[in-house]
C-alpha atoms as a PDB file:
ATOM      1  CA  UNK A   1     -30.862  14.374 -47.188  1.00  0.00           C
ATOM      2  CA  UNK A   2     -31.462  16.418 -43.804  1.00  0.00           C
ATOM      3  CA  UNK A   3     -32.590  12.938 -41.843  1.00  0.00           C
ATOM      4  CA  UNK A   4     -28.884  10.782 -42.659  1.00  0.00           C
ATOM      5  CA  UNK A   5     -27.333  13.984 -40.413  1.00  0.00           C
ATOM      6  CA  UNK A   6     -26.958  12.326 -37.098  1.00  0.00           C
ATOM      7  CA  UNK A   7     -28.746  15.324 -34.718  1.00  0.00           C
ATOM      8  CA  UNK A   8     -31.958  13.916 -37.079  1.00  0.00           C
ATOM      9  CA  UNK A   9     -31.180  10.412 -37.314  1.00  0.00           C
ATOM     10  CA  UNK A  10     -30.527   9.732 -33.748  1.00  0.00           C
ATOM     11  CA  UNK A  11     -33.176  12.842 -32.148  1.00  0.00           C
ATOM     12  CA  UNK A  12     -35.400  11.891 -29.659  1.00  0.00           C
ATOM     13  CA  UNK A  13     -35.934  15.530 -28.681  1.00  0.00           C
ATOM     14  CA  UNK A  14     -40.287  16.148 -27.357  1.00  0.00           C
ATOM     15  CA  UNK A  15     -40.883  12.026 -26.593  1.00  0.00           C
ATOM     16  CA  UNK A  16     -42.112  10.924 -23.155  1.00  0.00           C
ATOM     17  CA  UNK A  17     -40.312   8.016 -21.335  1.00  0.00           C
ATOM     18  CA  UNK A  18     -40.726   5.803 -18.673  1.00  0.00           C
ATOM     19  CA  UNK A  19     -37.654   4.048 -17.134  1.00  0.00           C
ATOM     20  CA  UNK A  20     -38.221   1.819 -14.144  1.00  0.00           C
ATOM     21  CA  UNK A  21     -35.788   1.318 -11.671  1.00  0.00           C
ATOM     22  CA  UNK A  22     -34.301   4.616 -12.627  1.00  0.00           C
ATOM     23  CA  UNK A  23     -32.902   6.308  -9.704  1.00  0.00           C
ATOM     24  CA  UNK A  24     -29.615   3.844 -10.232  1.00  0.00           C
ATOM     25  CA  UNK A  25     -27.216   2.007 -11.769  1.00  0.00           C
ATOM     26  CA  UNK A  26     -27.980   0.917 -15.861  1.00  0.00           C
ATOM     27  CA  UNK A  27     -31.753   2.562 -15.374  1.00  0.00           C
ATOM     28  CA  UNK A  28     -30.354   6.442 -14.118  1.00  0.00           C
ATOM     29  CA  UNK A  29     -27.908   5.629 -17.096  1.00  0.00           C
ATOM     30  CA  UNK A  30     -30.753   5.645 -19.551  1.00  0.00           C
ATOM     31  CA  UNK A  31     -32.743   8.303 -18.098  1.00  0.00           C
ATOM     32  CA  UNK A  32     -30.252  10.598 -18.248  1.00  0.00           C
ATOM     33  CA  UNK A  33     -29.293   9.914 -21.527  1.00  0.00           C
ATOM     34  CA  UNK A  34     -33.157  10.284 -22.232  1.00  0.00           C
ATOM     35  CA  UNK A  35     -33.088  13.867 -20.405  1.00  0.00           C
ATOM     36  CA  UNK A  36     -29.343  14.679 -22.086  1.00  0.00           C
ATOM     37  CA  UNK A  37     -31.336  15.196 -25.147  1.00  0.00           C
ATOM     38  CA  UNK A  38     -34.256  16.700 -24.444  1.00  0.00           C
ATOM     39  CA  UNK A  39     -36.851  13.573 -23.072  1.00  0.00           C
ATOM     40  CA  UNK A  40     -39.426  13.990 -20.453  1.00  0.00           C
ATOM     41  CA  UNK A  41     -38.473  10.959 -17.822  1.00  0.00           C
ATOM     42  CA  UNK A  42     -41.042   9.533 -15.618  1.00  0.00           C
ATOM     43  CA  UNK A  43     -38.273   7.293 -13.648  1.00  0.00           C
ATOM     44  CA  UNK A  44     -39.625   4.478 -10.779  1.00  0.00           C
ATOM     45  CA  UNK A  45     -38.328   2.694  -7.760  1.00  0.00           C
ATOM     46  CA  UNK A  46     -39.841   1.097  -4.266  1.00  0.00           C
ATOM     47  CA  UNK A  47     -37.419   4.028  -2.165  1.00  0.00           C
ATOM     48  CA  UNK A  48     -39.043   7.041  -2.145  1.00  0.00           C
ATOM     49  CA  UNK A  49     -36.323   9.401  -0.721  1.00  0.00           C
ATOM     50  CA  UNK A  50     -33.540   8.015  -2.649  1.00  0.00           C
ATOM     51  CA  UNK A  51     -35.942   8.474  -5.481  1.00  0.00           C
ATOM     52  CA  UNK A  52     -37.172  11.927  -5.296  1.00  0.00           C
ATOM     53  CA  UNK A  53     -33.209  13.659  -4.360  1.00  0.00           C
ATOM     54  CA  UNK A  54     -32.296  11.552  -7.704  1.00  0.00           C
ATOM     55  CA  UNK A  55     -35.083  13.071 -10.379  1.00  0.00           C
ATOM     56  CA  UNK A  56     -34.648  16.363  -8.819  1.00  0.00           C
ATOM     57  CA  UNK A  57     -30.872  15.895  -9.077  1.00  0.00           C
ATOM     58  CA  UNK A  58     -31.115  14.437 -12.789  1.00  0.00           C
ATOM     59  CA  UNK A  59     -33.538  17.961 -13.730  1.00  0.00           C
ATOM     60  CA  UNK A  60     -31.123  19.874 -12.516  1.00  0.00           C
ATOM     61  CA  UNK A  61     -27.920  18.443 -14.075  1.00  0.00           C
ATOM     62  CA  UNK A  62     -29.976  18.268 -17.333  1.00  0.00           C
ATOM     63  CA  UNK A  63     -31.978  20.904 -17.352  1.00  0.00           C
ATOM     64  CA  UNK A  64     -34.511  18.595 -17.936  1.00  0.00           C
ATOM     65  CA  UNK A  65     -38.323  17.013 -16.636  1.00  0.00           C
ATOM     66  CA  UNK A  66     -37.410  13.877 -14.435  1.00  0.00           C
ATOM     67  CA  UNK A  67     -40.689  13.142 -12.430  1.00  0.00           C
ATOM     68  CA  UNK A  68     -40.135  10.566  -9.636  1.00  0.00           C
ATOM     69  CA  UNK A  69     -42.822   7.684  -8.943  1.00  0.00           C
ATOM     70  CA  UNK A  70     -41.893   5.962  -6.179  1.00  0.00           C
ATOM     71  CA  UNK A  71     -43.742   2.401  -6.489  1.00  0.00           C
ATOM     72  CA  UNK A  72     -43.523  -1.580  -6.016  1.00  0.00           C
ATOM     73  CA  UNK A  73     -43.636  -2.666  -9.467  1.00  0.00           C
ATOM     74  CA  UNK A  74     -43.320  -6.809  -8.236  1.00  0.00           C
ATOM     75  CA  UNK A  75     -46.894  -6.600  -6.835  1.00  0.00           C
ATOM     76  CA  UNK A  76     -49.746  -6.314  -9.056  1.00  0.00           C
ATOM     77  CA  UNK A  77     -51.394  -3.171  -6.778  1.00  0.00           C
ATOM     78  CA  UNK A  78     -47.622  -1.447  -7.682  1.00  0.00           C
ATOM     79  CA  UNK A  79     -48.360  -1.722 -11.302  1.00  0.00           C
ATOM     80  CA  UNK A  80     -52.393  -0.638 -10.989  1.00  0.00           C
ATOM     81  CA  UNK A  81     -51.231   1.994  -9.232  1.00  0.00           C
ATOM     82  CA  UNK A  82     -48.183   3.446 -11.872  1.00  0.00           C
ATOM     83  CA  UNK A  83     -49.612   2.598 -14.749  1.00  0.00           C
ATOM     84  CA  UNK A  84     -52.332   4.997 -13.470  1.00  0.00           C
ATOM     85  CA  UNK A  85     -50.461   7.337 -12.429  1.00  0.00           C
ATOM     86  CA  UNK A  86     -49.129   7.860 -15.731  1.00  0.00           C
ATOM     87  CA  UNK A  87     -52.268   7.333 -17.616  1.00  0.00           C
ATOM     88  CA  UNK A  88     -53.686  10.128 -15.346  1.00  0.00           C
ATOM     89  CA  UNK A  89     -50.415  12.854 -15.883  1.00  0.00           C
ATOM     90  CA  UNK A  90     -49.626  12.099 -20.048  1.00  0.00           C
ATOM     91  CA  UNK A  91     -51.966  10.604 -23.142  1.00  0.00           C
ATOM     92  CA  UNK A  92     -49.709   9.045 -24.438  1.00  0.00           C
ATOM     93  CA  UNK A  93     -45.980   8.010 -24.151  1.00  0.00           C
ATOM     94  CA  UNK A  94     -43.414   7.342 -26.593  1.00  0.00           C
ATOM     95  CA  UNK A  95     -41.000   5.033 -24.907  1.00  0.00           C
ATOM     96  CA  UNK A  96     -41.114   2.462 -22.442  1.00  0.00           C
ATOM     97  CA  UNK A  97     -37.792   0.624 -21.052  1.00  0.00           C
ATOM     98  CA  UNK A  98     -38.552  -2.537 -18.418  1.00  0.00           C
ATOM     99  CA  UNK A  99     -35.408  -1.877 -16.193  1.00  0.00           C
ATOM    100  CA  UNK A 100     -36.479  -2.687 -12.737  1.00  0.00           C
ATOM    101  CA  UNK A 101     -35.254  -5.707 -11.594  1.00  0.00           C
ATOM    102  CA  UNK A 102     -33.387  -7.957  -8.489  1.00  0.00           C
ATOM    103  CA  UNK A 103     -31.193 -10.955  -8.206  1.00  0.00           C
ATOM    104  CA  UNK A 104     -31.153 -13.212  -5.475  1.00  0.00           C
ATOM    105  CA  UNK A 105     -27.972 -15.323  -4.498  1.00  0.00           C
ATOM    106  CA  UNK A 106     -28.081 -18.866  -2.270  1.00  0.00           C
ATOM    107  CA  UNK A 107     -26.282 -21.984  -2.722  1.00  0.00           C
ATOM    108  CA  UNK A 108     -28.047 -24.439  -4.746  1.00  0.00           C
ATOM    109  CA  UNK A 109     -29.428 -26.952  -1.567  1.00  0.00           C
ATOM    110  CA  UNK A 110     -30.654 -23.970   0.198  1.00  0.00           C
ATOM    111  CA  UNK A 111     -32.223 -21.761  -2.741  1.00  0.00           C
ATOM    112  CA  UNK A 112     -35.074 -19.915  -1.347  1.00  0.00           C
ATOM    113  CA  UNK A 113     -38.783 -20.413  -2.999  1.00  0.00           C
ATOM    114  CA  UNK A 114     -39.035 -16.515  -1.220  1.00  0.00           C
ATOM    115  CA  UNK A 115     -35.982 -15.162  -2.935  1.00  0.00           C
ATOM    116  CA  UNK A 116     -37.161 -17.202  -6.436  1.00  0.00           C
ATOM    117  CA  UNK A 117     -40.755 -15.588  -6.781  1.00  0.00           C
ATOM    118  CA  UNK A 118     -39.272 -11.859  -5.999  1.00  0.00           C
ATOM    119  CA  UNK A 119     -36.919 -12.132  -8.952  1.00  0.00           C
ATOM    120  CA  UNK A 120     -39.396 -13.978 -11.257  1.00  0.00           C
ATOM    121  CA  UNK A 121     -42.291 -11.525 -10.717  1.00  0.00           C
ATOM    122  CA  UNK A 122     -40.669  -8.160 -10.658  1.00  0.00           C
ATOM    123  CA  UNK A 123     -38.047  -9.225 -13.608  1.00  0.00           C
ATOM    124  CA  UNK A 124     -40.336 -11.604 -15.707  1.00  0.00           C
ATOM    125  CA  UNK A 125     -44.288 -10.549 -14.138  1.00  0.00           C
ATOM    126  CA  UNK A 126     -43.775  -6.894 -13.669  1.00  0.00           C
ATOM    127  CA  UNK A 127     -42.705  -6.360 -17.431  1.00  0.00           C
ATOM    128  CA  UNK A 128     -45.422  -8.276 -19.060  1.00  0.00           C
ATOM    129  CA  UNK A 129     -47.856  -6.550 -17.020  1.00  0.00           C
ATOM    130  CA  UNK A 130     -46.626  -2.712 -17.076  1.00  0.00           C
ATOM    131  CA  UNK A 131     -46.353  -2.775 -20.631  1.00  0.00           C
ATOM    132  CA  UNK A 132     -49.789  -4.692 -20.850  1.00  0.00           C
ATOM    133  CA  UNK A 133     -51.068  -1.674 -19.041  1.00  0.00           C
ATOM    134  CA  UNK A 134     -49.167   0.902 -20.858  1.00  0.00           C
ATOM    135  CA  UNK A 135     -49.851  -0.221 -24.585  1.00  0.00           C
ATOM    136  CA  UNK A 136     -52.781   2.400 -24.807  1.00  0.00           C
ATOM    137  CA  UNK A 137     -50.413   5.088 -24.437  1.00  0.00           C
ATOM    138  CA  UNK A 138     -47.752   3.694 -26.335  1.00  0.00           C
ATOM    139  CA  UNK A 139     -50.351   2.739 -28.999  1.00  0.00           C
ATOM    140  CA  UNK A 140     -51.396   6.597 -29.176  1.00  0.00           C
ATOM    141  CA  UNK A 141     -48.077   7.896 -29.550  1.00  0.00           C
ATOM    142  CA  UNK A 142     -46.415   5.376 -32.204  1.00  0.00           C
ATOM    143  CA  UNK A 143     -47.322   5.321 -36.050  1.00  0.00           C
ATOM    144  CA  UNK A 144     -46.341   3.908 -39.217  1.00  0.00           C
ATOM    145  CA  UNK A 145     -42.824   6.437 -39.553  1.00  0.00           C
ATOM    146  CA  UNK A 146     -42.101   6.818 -36.210  1.00  0.00           C
ATOM    147  CA  UNK A 147     -42.973   4.018 -33.303  1.00  0.00           C
ATOM    148  CA  UNK A 148     -42.990   3.402 -29.940  1.00  0.00           C
ATOM    149  CA  UNK A 149     -40.403   1.300 -28.227  1.00  0.00           C
ATOM    150  CA  UNK A 150     -40.689  -0.721 -25.535  1.00  0.00           C
ATOM    151  CA  UNK A 151     -37.038  -2.015 -24.356  1.00  0.00           C
ATOM    152  CA  UNK A 152     -36.902  -4.992 -21.809  1.00  0.00           C
ATOM    153  CA  UNK A 153     -33.447  -5.004 -20.023  1.00  0.00           C
ATOM    154  CA  UNK A 154     -32.653  -8.771 -19.611  1.00  0.00           C
ATOM    155  CA  UNK A 155     -29.111 -10.200 -18.764  1.00  0.00           C
ATOM    156  CA  UNK A 156     -25.824 -11.618 -20.490  1.00  0.00           C
ATOM    157  CA  UNK A 157     -26.845 -14.211 -17.758  1.00  0.00           C
ATOM    158  CA  UNK A 158     -29.468 -14.882 -19.980  1.00  0.00           C
ATOM    159  CA  UNK A 159     -27.754 -16.034 -22.335  1.00  0.00           C
ATOM    160  CA  UNK A 160     -24.802 -17.955 -20.956  1.00  0.00           C
ATOM    161  CA  UNK A 161     -24.474 -19.494 -17.764  1.00  0.00           C
ATOM    162  CA  UNK A 162     -23.687 -17.169 -15.044  1.00  0.00           C
ATOM    163  CA  UNK A 163     -20.698 -17.959 -12.233  1.00  0.00           C
ATOM    164  CA  UNK A 164     -22.179 -17.239  -9.797  1.00  0.00           C
ATOM    165  CA  UNK A 165     -24.983 -18.559  -7.141  1.00  0.00           C
ATOM    166  CA  UNK A 166     -28.060 -16.731  -8.218  1.00  0.00           C
ATOM    167  CA  UNK A 167     -30.672 -19.182 -10.010  1.00  0.00           C
ATOM    168  CA  UNK A 168     -33.637 -17.531 -10.404  1.00  0.00           C
ATOM    169  CA  UNK A 169     -31.888 -14.603 -12.133  1.00  0.00           C
ATOM    170  CA  UNK A 170     -30.293 -16.245 -15.341  1.00  0.00           C
ATOM    171  CA  UNK A 171     -33.458 -17.762 -15.537  1.00  0.00           C
ATOM    172  CA  UNK A 172     -35.347 -14.939 -15.725  1.00  0.00           C
ATOM    173  CA  UNK A 173     -33.339 -12.904 -17.690  1.00  0.00           C
ATOM    174  CA  UNK A 174     -33.873 -15.642 -20.113  1.00  0.00           C
ATOM    175  CA  UNK A 175     -37.514 -15.566 -19.967  1.00  0.00           C
ATOM    176  CA  UNK A 176     -37.717 -11.466 -20.790  1.00  0.00           C
ATOM    177  CA  UNK A 177     -35.378 -12.053 -23.656  1.00  0.00           C
ATOM    178  CA  UNK A 178     -37.783 -14.528 -25.060  1.00  0.00           C
ATOM    179  CA  UNK A 179     -40.905 -12.755 -23.806  1.00  0.00           C
ATOM    180  CA  UNK A 180     -39.402  -9.773 -25.771  1.00  0.00           C
ATOM    181  CA  UNK A 181     -40.006 -11.844 -29.011  1.00  0.00           C
ATOM    182  CA  UNK A 182     -43.316 -12.901 -28.192  1.00  0.00           C
ATOM    183  CA  UNK A 183     -44.164  -9.090 -27.708  1.00  0.00           C
ATOM    184  CA  UNK A 184     -42.575  -8.006 -30.315  1.00  0.00           C
ATOM    185  CA  UNK A 185     -44.653  -9.933 -32.538  1.00  0.00           C
ATOM    186  CA  UNK A 186     -47.927  -9.432 -30.895  1.00  0.00           C
ATOM    187  CA  UNK A 187     -46.601  -5.532 -30.852  1.00  0.00           C
ATOM    188  CA  UNK A 188     -45.184  -4.823 -33.619  1.00  0.00           C
ATOM    189  CA  UNK A 189     -48.958  -4.307 -35.519  1.00  0.00           C
ATOM    190  CA  UNK A 190     -50.111  -1.856 -33.517  1.00  0.00           C
ATOM    191  CA  UNK A 191     -46.635   0.341 -34.627  1.00  0.00           C
ATOM    192  CA  UNK A 192     -44.789  -1.010 -30.922  1.00  0.00           C
ATOM    193  CA  UNK A 193     -41.460  -1.902 -31.523  1.00  0.00           C
ATOM    194  CA  UNK A 194     -39.804  -3.885 -28.861  1.00  0.00           C
ATOM    195  CA  UNK A 195     -36.265  -5.143 -28.116  1.00  0.00           C
ATOM    196  CA  UNK A 196     -34.217  -6.111 -25.158  1.00  0.00           C
ATOM    197  CA  UNK A 197     -30.852  -5.560 -24.504  1.00  0.00           C
ATOM    198  CA  UNK A 198     -28.507  -7.909 -22.375  1.00  0.00           C
ATOM    199  CA  UNK A 199     -26.237  -5.677 -20.497  1.00  0.00           C
ATOM    200  CA  UNK A 200     -22.730  -7.558 -19.146  1.00  0.00           C
ATOM    201  CA  UNK A 201     -20.967  -5.783 -15.941  1.00  0.00           C
ATOM    202  CA  UNK A 202     -22.105  -2.129 -15.581  1.00  0.00           C
ATOM    203  CA  UNK A 203     -21.442  -0.396 -11.557  1.00  0.00           C
ATOM    204  CA  UNK A 204     -24.744  -1.235 -10.329  1.00  0.00           C
ATOM    205  CA  UNK A 205     -25.840  -1.719  -6.686  1.00  0.00           C
ATOM    206  CA  UNK A 206     -26.525  -5.484  -8.008  1.00  0.00           C
ATOM    207  CA  UNK A 207     -22.783  -6.140  -9.617  1.00  0.00           C
ATOM    208  CA  UNK A 208     -21.311  -4.125  -6.733  1.00  0.00           C
ATOM    209  CA  UNK A 209     -23.028  -6.052  -4.002  1.00  0.00           C
ATOM    210  CA  UNK A 210     -21.680  -9.674  -5.564  1.00  0.00           C
ATOM    211  CA  UNK A 211     -17.926  -8.230  -6.163  1.00  0.00           C
ATOM    212  CA  UNK A 212     -17.548  -6.101  -2.925  1.00  0.00           C
ATOM    213  CA  UNK A 213     -17.088  -2.624  -5.133  1.00  0.00           C
ATOM    214  CA  UNK A 214     -14.729  -4.232  -6.559  1.00  0.00           C
ATOM    215  CA  UNK A 215     -14.610  -4.535 -10.319  1.00  0.00           C
ATOM    216  CA  UNK A 216     -11.105  -5.058 -11.427  1.00  0.00           C
ATOM    217  CA  UNK A 217     -11.173  -8.911 -12.075  1.00  0.00           C
ATOM    218  CA  UNK A 218     -14.393  -8.412 -13.614  1.00  0.00           C
ATOM    219  CA  UNK A 219     -12.800  -5.394 -16.132  1.00  0.00           C
ATOM    220  CA  UNK A 220      -8.931  -7.837 -16.740  1.00  0.00           C
ATOM    221  CA  UNK A 221     -11.410 -10.736 -17.983  1.00  0.00           C
ATOM    222  CA  UNK A 222     -13.653  -8.754 -19.879  1.00  0.00           C
ATOM    223  CA  UNK A 223     -12.616  -8.977 -23.421  1.00  0.00           C
ATOM    224  CA  UNK A 224     -12.913  -5.245 -23.729  1.00  0.00           C
ATOM    225  CA  UNK A 225     -10.552  -5.081 -20.436  1.00  0.00           C
ATOM    226  CA  UNK A 226     -13.370  -2.526 -18.494  1.00  0.00           C
ATOM    227  CA  UNK A 227     -16.994  -2.600 -17.254  1.00  0.00           C
ATOM    228  CA  UNK A 228     -19.750  -0.831 -19.548  1.00  0.00           C
ATOM    229  CA  UNK A 229     -20.243   3.377 -18.733  1.00  0.00           C
ATOM    230  CA  UNK A 230     -23.274   5.533 -19.278  1.00  0.00           C
ATOM    231  CA  UNK A 231     -22.713   6.128 -22.407  1.00  0.00           C
ATOM    232  CA  UNK A 232     -22.876   2.594 -24.169  1.00  0.00           C
ATOM    233  CA  UNK A 233     -25.952   1.904 -22.466  1.00  0.00           C
ATOM    234  CA  UNK A 234     -27.153   5.382 -23.548  1.00  0.00           C
ATOM    235  CA  UNK A 235     -26.085   5.574 -26.604  1.00  0.00           C
ATOM    236  CA  UNK A 236     -27.393   2.336 -27.055  1.00  0.00           C
ATOM    237  CA  UNK A 237     -30.738   2.791 -25.876  1.00  0.00           C
ATOM    238  CA  UNK A 238     -31.185   6.088 -28.198  1.00  0.00           C
ATOM    239  CA  UNK A 239     -30.049   4.105 -31.221  1.00  0.00           C
ATOM    240  CA  UNK A 240     -33.583   1.759 -30.350  1.00  0.00           C
ATOM    241  CA  UNK A 241     -35.399   4.679 -29.171  1.00  0.00           C
ATOM    242  CA  UNK A 242     -34.599   7.223 -32.428  1.00  0.00           C
ATOM    243  CA  UNK A 243     -35.743   6.838 -36.572  1.00  0.00           C
ATOM    244  CA  UNK A 244     -31.835   5.363 -36.601  1.00  0.00           C
ATOM    245  CA  UNK A 245     -33.729   1.544 -34.783  1.00  0.00           C
ATOM    246  CA  UNK A 246     -37.200   1.769 -36.755  1.00  0.00           C
ATOM    247  CA  UNK A 247     -36.436  -1.195 -38.305  1.00  0.00           C
ATOM    248  CA  UNK A 248     -34.723  -3.547 -35.457  1.00  0.00           C
ATOM    249  CA  UNK A 249     -38.110  -5.571 -33.898  1.00  0.00           C
ATOM    250  CA  UNK A 250     -37.220  -8.528 -31.343  1.00  0.00           C
ATOM    251  CA  UNK A 251     -33.601  -8.479 -31.125  1.00  0.00           C
ATOM    252  CA  UNK A 252     -32.046  -9.201 -28.277  1.00  0.00           C
ATOM    253  CA  UNK A 253     -28.966  -6.352 -28.455  1.00  0.00           C
ATOM    254  CA  UNK A 254     -25.557  -7.429 -25.670  1.00  0.00           C
ATOM    255  CA  UNK A 255     -23.649  -5.181 -24.524  1.00  0.00           C
ATOM    256  CA  UNK A 256     -21.317  -6.858 -22.637  1.00  0.00           C
ATOM    257  CA  UNK A 257     -17.341  -6.038 -23.968  1.00  0.00           C
ATOM    258  CA  UNK A 258     -17.259  -8.886 -25.925  1.00  0.00           C
ATOM    259  CA  UNK A 259     -18.000 -11.828 -23.343  1.00  0.00           C
ATOM    260  CA  UNK A 260     -21.385 -13.291 -25.517  1.00  0.00           C
ATOM    261  CA  UNK A 261     -19.465 -11.933 -28.889  1.00  0.00           C
ATOM    262  CA  UNK A 262     -16.527 -14.178 -28.124  1.00  0.00           C
ATOM    263  CA  UNK A 263     -17.378 -16.760 -27.000  1.00  0.00           C
ATOM    264  CA  UNK A 264     -14.216 -19.084 -27.643  1.00  0.00           C
ATOM    265  CA  UNK A 265     -12.470 -16.026 -25.267  1.00  0.00           C
ATOM    266  CA  UNK A 266     -11.206 -18.042 -22.318  1.00  0.00           C
ATOM    267  CA  UNK A 267     -13.115 -15.656 -18.568  1.00  0.00           C
ATOM    268  CA  UNK A 268     -11.894 -17.822 -16.169  1.00  0.00           C
END
């Protein structure tokens, strides 16, 4: 049976994907995985110049179509503008990857409302409203055999109690995980499957800033003795978006080297 062969089972060629926060870190890893396998990808970020450069770099590297759409998804205005742009360029989209996120670290007694709101607006509110506004395009692309997919990027910090003082961040990611299940229930009947990935340590500006771009301590404490690689993230996303993942709905999948799964492991 041909469908059982890898190149059919995990095939995503010819699909259209949106990856928010796609210019660096985990978003770039996901965009790269798609582009390497024949998906047309729209990437968003706030900073226009680096985003446009990244889209060109990825298009050239993978000989594929990567389109930059600068916007600020932390405000409704930006979400509306982005949804309108996609609607005016595509009649349907197959995959929506809600990856754009922010963190805010401050001591408990000084933790600011500005930081709290920034994290909650981008990490939780934008995930709901961007998906809501793109649902009609996802619905057109999906059918019973081959549903559309939404993947929300959560975090192990939404499953475990994090070490770093970033009170809104872990809270926002726990909200993303639960929102994923709530949305999965609502959209599964429309042939749109919603799942979440909860990454552990991956190379990114966010984690890099927290550890001064020295990952050695994090690696030594990780059960797998390394941080995540682009292949780890891209492989999981391609699984979820392909025929292989068409029966996985409302799942929160850690990709963390065993931090959550090996809960008895001493991480101190």
